[in-house]
Amino acid sequence: MTEGQSKAVFWIGTLTSAALFLGLTYDTQREFDRLTHADALDEQVVAGKRAFEARNCNDCHTILGFGGYYAPDLTRAYVRIGADGIRRRLEHPEQAFRDSYRKMPQQRLGEAEIADLVHFLRWVDGIENNDWPPQDSQRRWKRSTERLLAGGLLSPGAALLKQESCLGCHALGDGGERVGPRLEWIGGKRDAAWIAGLLQEPERLQPGTPMPAFGHLSEAQRRTIGETVVSLAAQGRMP
């Protein structure tokens, strides 16, 4: 290759890369408001962000890829554990993390500050960032739910979830509410026996939770629900 050809390759590569970089930067800026749902940015979201910064939450948690790696990522905390899960952890971290080697300090947050933080994390959860982080992948959860339901909506576990209106508080696939933790996430963290015990005595295993007891169900029924929820996570890990 001659010197002239080498220079040509260098300049063509450099200018092409620069043009691509500038084009992608422009496109990102143009789409920023839509991807972040800027129209939903209200005073409470801003107040929650300020509380998040004032309490140095980033020292332990990552959010949108930034922060410490001691505690779980909070980018999808709202869909993962729900508004109630966030609130309980902020109000009583000593209870929420009593069985974990990782501890969260008691910040003694006021009721308004907790509400602001929940609102902020709800807004963050809505940011369209190509289904990141992978451990909270919406596509994975949807896929695992579809596999489960493909086996038959009338399976005993699915029928019990519907009968007891579990989706009135918990998200599942594309459906359900986000008051409590997502069912697929619970199944990835707990076993069927623990879930059955929670259904029988939620206050004993999760102090402060508003979840009602399901003592009217038999032990076998509670276990069936637990096994169904755990299967969601197991199928979600399949390639």
Protein backbone atom coordinates (compact mmCIF):
# COMPACT_ATOMS: atom_id res chain seq x y z
CA MET A 1 0.00 0.00 0.00
CA THR A 2 1.37 3.39 -0.95
CA GLU A 3 1.56 6.36 1.40
CA GLY A 4 -1.29 8.00 -0.46
CA GLN A 5 -3.49 4.95 -0.11
CA SER A 6 -2.73 4.72 3.61
CA LYS A 7 -3.74 8.35 4.09
CA ALA A 8 -6.91 7.78 2.12
CA VAL A 9 -7.89 4.80 4.31
CA PHE A 10 -7.14 6.83 7.43
CA TRP A 11 -9.19 9.85 6.40
CA ILE A 12 -12.09 7.86 5.00
CA GLY A 13 -12.27 5.78 8.19
CA THR A 14 -11.92 8.81 10.46
CA LEU A 15 -14.52 10.92 8.64
CA THR A 16 -16.96 8.01 8.37
CA SER A 17 -16.65 7.28 12.11
CA ALA A 18 -17.07 10.96 12.95
CA ALA A 19 -20.14 11.27 10.73
CA LEU A 20 -21.66 8.15 12.28
CA PHE A 21 -20.94 9.41 15.81
CA LEU A 22 -22.45 12.83 15.11
CA GLY A 23 -25.48 11.27 13.43
CA LEU A 24 -26.17 8.94 16.34
CA THR A 25 -25.66 11.78 18.82
CA TYR A 26 -28.16 13.93 16.95
CA ASP A 27 -30.67 11.09 16.77
CA THR A 28 -30.31 10.43 20.51
CA GLN A 29 -30.88 14.08 21.35
CA ARG A 30 -33.87 14.21 19.00
CA GLU A 31 -35.44 11.14 20.63
CA PHE A 32 -34.46 11.97 24.21
CA ASP A 33 -37.76 13.45 25.34
CA ARG A 34 -39.74 10.54 23.89
CA LEU A 35 -37.47 7.84 25.30
CA THR A 36 -37.43 9.35 28.78
CA HIS A 37 -41.12 10.33 28.75
CA ALA A 38 -40.15 13.87 29.62
CA ASP A 39 -43.82 14.84 29.69
CA ALA A 40 -44.13 12.80 32.91
CA LEU A 41 -41.41 14.80 34.66
CA ASP A 42 -43.30 16.61 37.38
CA GLU A 43 -42.33 18.28 40.65
CA GLN A 44 -42.60 15.03 42.61
CA VAL A 45 -40.18 13.22 40.27
CA VAL A 46 -37.71 16.09 40.69
CA ALA A 47 -38.20 16.01 44.47
CA GLY A 48 -37.56 12.26 44.48
CA LYS A 49 -34.37 12.70 42.46
CA ARG A 50 -33.15 15.32 44.92
CA ALA A 51 -33.91 13.00 47.83
CA PHE A 52 -32.05 10.18 46.03
CA GLU A 53 -29.00 12.42 45.67
CA ALA A 54 -29.24 13.92 49.17
CA ARG A 55 -29.25 10.46 50.75
CA ASN A 56 -26.29 9.30 48.62
CA CYS A 57 -28.22 6.28 47.35
CA ASN A 58 -25.75 6.00 44.46
CA ASP A 59 -23.00 5.08 46.93
CA CYS A 60 -24.50 1.58 47.14
CA HIS A 61 -26.93 1.32 44.21
CA THR A 62 -26.51 1.71 40.48
CA ILE A 63 -29.20 3.46 38.49
CA LEU A 64 -29.09 3.76 34.70
CA GLY A 65 -25.57 2.34 34.82
CA PHE A 66 -24.08 4.73 37.37
CA GLY A 67 -23.30 4.18 41.03
CA GLY A 68 -21.97 1.59 43.44
CA TYR A 69 -22.28 -2.16 43.06
CA TYR A 70 -22.85 -3.10 46.69
CA ALA A 71 -26.65 -3.22 46.50
CA PRO A 72 -29.13 -4.09 43.70
CA ASP A 73 -29.56 -1.92 40.63
CA LEU A 74 -32.55 0.41 40.93
CA THR A 75 -33.26 1.13 37.26
CA ARG A 76 -36.17 -1.35 37.25
CA ALA A 77 -36.84 -1.45 40.98
CA TYR A 78 -40.42 -0.28 40.50
CA VAL A 79 -41.43 -3.10 38.18
CA ARG A 80 -39.32 -5.63 40.10
CA ILE A 81 -40.59 -5.12 43.65
CA GLY A 82 -43.45 -2.65 43.23
CA ALA A 83 -44.37 0.52 45.09
CA ASP A 84 -45.04 -1.34 48.33
CA GLY A 85 -41.72 -3.19 48.15
CA ILE A 86 -39.82 0.08 47.75
CA ARG A 87 -41.77 1.73 50.54
CA ARG A 88 -41.20 -1.11 53.02
CA ARG A 89 -37.48 -1.17 52.34
CA LEU A 90 -37.22 2.56 52.91
CA GLU A 91 -39.35 2.55 56.05
CA HIS A 92 -37.93 -0.55 57.74
CA PRO A 93 -34.67 -1.67 56.10
CA GLU A 94 -33.67 -3.53 59.26
CA GLN A 95 -36.69 -5.82 58.76
CA ALA A 96 -36.56 -6.03 54.97
CA PHE A 97 -32.90 -7.10 54.97
CA ARG A 98 -32.68 -9.03 58.23
CA ASP A 99 -31.90 -12.27 56.35
CA SER A 100 -29.41 -10.67 53.95
CA TYR A 101 -25.69 -10.22 54.49
CA ARG A 102 -26.03 -6.86 52.75
CA LYS A 103 -27.57 -4.27 55.06
CA MET A 104 -29.25 -0.97 54.29
CA PRO A 105 -28.96 1.93 56.75
CA GLN A 106 -32.04 3.40 58.41
CA GLN A 107 -32.36 6.83 56.78
CA ARG A 108 -35.38 7.88 58.87
CA LEU A 109 -37.18 9.23 55.85
CA GLY A 110 -40.39 11.16 56.18
CA GLU A 111 -43.61 9.98 54.55
CA ALA A 112 -43.46 12.68 51.87
CA GLU A 113 -39.83 11.89 51.05
CA ILE A 114 -40.62 8.18 50.67
CA ALA A 115 -43.54 9.01 48.35
CA ASP A 116 -41.23 11.22 46.27
CA LEU A 117 -38.62 8.46 45.96
CA VAL A 118 -41.26 5.93 44.89
CA HIS A 119 -42.53 8.40 42.29
CA PHE A 120 -38.99 9.03 41.02
CA LEU A 121 -38.22 5.30 40.68
CA ARG A 122 -41.51 4.81 38.89
CA TRP A 123 -40.49 7.43 36.33
CA VAL A 124 -37.01 5.90 35.94
CA ASP A 125 -38.62 2.51 35.34
CA GLY A 126 -40.50 3.97 32.37
CA ILE A 127 -37.37 5.14 30.54
CA GLU A 128 -36.96 3.23 27.27
CA ASN A 129 -33.37 1.97 27.35
CA ASN A 130 -33.47 -1.17 25.20
CA ASP A 131 -34.62 -3.48 27.99
CA TRP A 132 -31.62 -2.90 30.24
CA PRO A 133 -30.41 -4.15 32.73
CA PRO A 134 -30.54 -7.76 31.56
CA GLN A 135 -31.40 -9.25 34.96
CA ASP A 136 -34.69 -7.33 34.86
CA SER A 137 -35.35 -7.98 31.19
CA GLN A 138 -38.99 -7.48 30.28
CA ARG A 139 -38.54 -9.72 27.24
CA ARG A 140 -37.27 -12.55 29.46
CA TRP A 141 -40.18 -12.21 31.86
CA LYS A 142 -42.68 -12.06 29.02
CA ARG A 143 -41.10 -15.13 27.38
CA SER A 144 -41.20 -17.15 30.61
CA THR A 145 -44.82 -16.19 31.21
CA GLU A 146 -45.81 -17.12 27.68
CA ARG A 147 -44.13 -20.52 28.09
CA LEU A 148 -45.96 -21.14 31.32
CA LEU A 149 -49.35 -20.13 30.00
CA ALA A 150 -48.78 -22.02 26.77
CA GLY A 151 -48.95 -25.15 28.91
CA GLY A 152 -52.58 -24.38 29.61
CA LEU A 153 -54.39 -21.49 31.26
CA LEU A 154 -56.35 -24.06 33.23
CA SER A 155 -53.33 -25.55 34.98
CA PRO A 156 -53.94 -25.76 38.75
CA GLY A 157 -51.37 -23.07 39.55
CA ALA A 158 -52.57 -20.64 36.90
CA ALA A 159 -56.17 -21.23 37.94
CA LEU A 160 -55.33 -20.46 41.58
CA LEU A 161 -53.47 -17.27 40.64
CA LYS A 162 -56.57 -16.14 38.79
CA GLN A 163 -58.98 -17.32 41.49
CA GLU A 164 -57.16 -15.42 44.24
CA SER A 165 -56.78 -12.24 42.11
CA CYS A 166 -52.99 -12.26 42.51
CA LEU A 167 -52.62 -9.96 39.50
CA GLY A 168 -54.57 -7.30 41.36
CA CYS A 169 -51.29 -6.52 43.16
CA HIS A 170 -48.54 -8.33 41.25
CA ALA A 171 -47.35 -7.98 37.66
CA LEU A 172 -47.07 -11.08 35.48
CA GLY A 173 -45.82 -10.88 31.92
CA ASP A 174 -47.57 -7.92 30.31
CA GLY A 175 -50.44 -7.95 32.80
CA GLY A 176 -51.14 -7.26 36.44
CA GLU A 177 -50.44 -4.37 38.77
CA ARG A 178 -47.21 -3.11 40.31
CA VAL A 179 -48.21 -2.76 43.94
CA GLY A 180 -46.17 -5.76 45.08
CA PRO A 181 -43.14 -7.50 43.54
CA ARG A 182 -43.38 -9.04 40.09
CA LEU A 183 -44.26 -12.75 40.34
CA GLU A 184 -41.42 -13.82 38.05
CA TRP A 185 -38.94 -11.95 40.27
CA ILE A 186 -40.30 -13.58 43.44
CA GLY A 187 -39.91 -17.00 41.82
CA GLY A 188 -36.26 -16.28 41.07
CA LYS A 189 -35.48 -15.30 44.67
CA ARG A 190 -37.55 -17.73 46.74
CA ASP A 191 -38.50 -21.39 46.70
CA ALA A 192 -41.99 -22.86 46.64
CA ALA A 193 -42.01 -23.62 50.39
CA TRP A 194 -41.18 -20.01 51.28
CA ILE A 195 -43.90 -18.68 48.99
CA ALA A 196 -46.42 -21.11 50.49
CA GLY A 197 -45.42 -19.89 53.96
CA LEU A 198 -45.80 -16.27 52.87
CA LEU A 199 -49.31 -16.96 51.64
CA GLN A 200 -50.20 -18.43 55.02
CA GLU A 201 -48.54 -15.79 57.24
CA PRO A 202 -47.27 -12.81 55.22
CA GLU A 203 -46.64 -10.65 58.29
CA ARG A 204 -44.27 -13.21 59.79
CA LEU A 205 -42.03 -13.37 56.73
CA GLN A 206 -42.46 -9.79 55.51
CA PRO A 207 -43.18 -7.52 58.51
CA GLY A 208 -45.18 -4.47 57.56
CA THR A 209 -46.47 -5.87 54.28
CA PRO A 210 -50.11 -5.05 53.38
CA MET A 211 -50.43 -8.45 51.70
CA PRO A 212 -53.42 -10.37 53.06
CA ALA A 213 -53.14 -13.89 54.43
CA PHE A 214 -54.48 -16.77 52.35
CA GLY A 215 -55.21 -19.09 55.24
CA HIS A 216 -58.41 -20.26 53.56
CA LEU A 217 -56.28 -22.13 51.02
CA SER A 218 -55.04 -25.59 51.83
CA GLU A 219 -51.33 -26.26 52.24
CA ALA A 220 -51.37 -28.13 48.93
CA GLN A 221 -52.95 -25.16 47.15
CA ARG A 222 -50.45 -22.71 48.60
CA ARG A 223 -47.62 -25.03 47.58
CA THR A 224 -49.06 -25.27 44.05
CA ILE A 225 -49.03 -21.49 43.77
CA GLY A 226 -45.44 -21.44 45.02
CA GLU A 227 -44.34 -24.04 42.49
CA THR A 228 -46.08 -22.12 39.70
CA VAL A 229 -44.38 -18.86 40.61
CA VAL A 230 -40.96 -20.53 40.86
CA SER A 231 -41.48 -22.11 37.43
CA LEU A 232 -41.81 -18.64 35.92
CA ALA A 233 -38.23 -17.79 36.90
CA ALA A 234 -36.95 -21.22 35.87
CA GLN A 235 -38.44 -20.88 32.40
CA GLY A 236 -37.18 -17.33 32.15
CA ARG A 237 -33.60 -18.62 32.51
CA MET A 238 -34.06 -20.96 29.55
CA PRO A 239 -32.36 -19.84 26.31
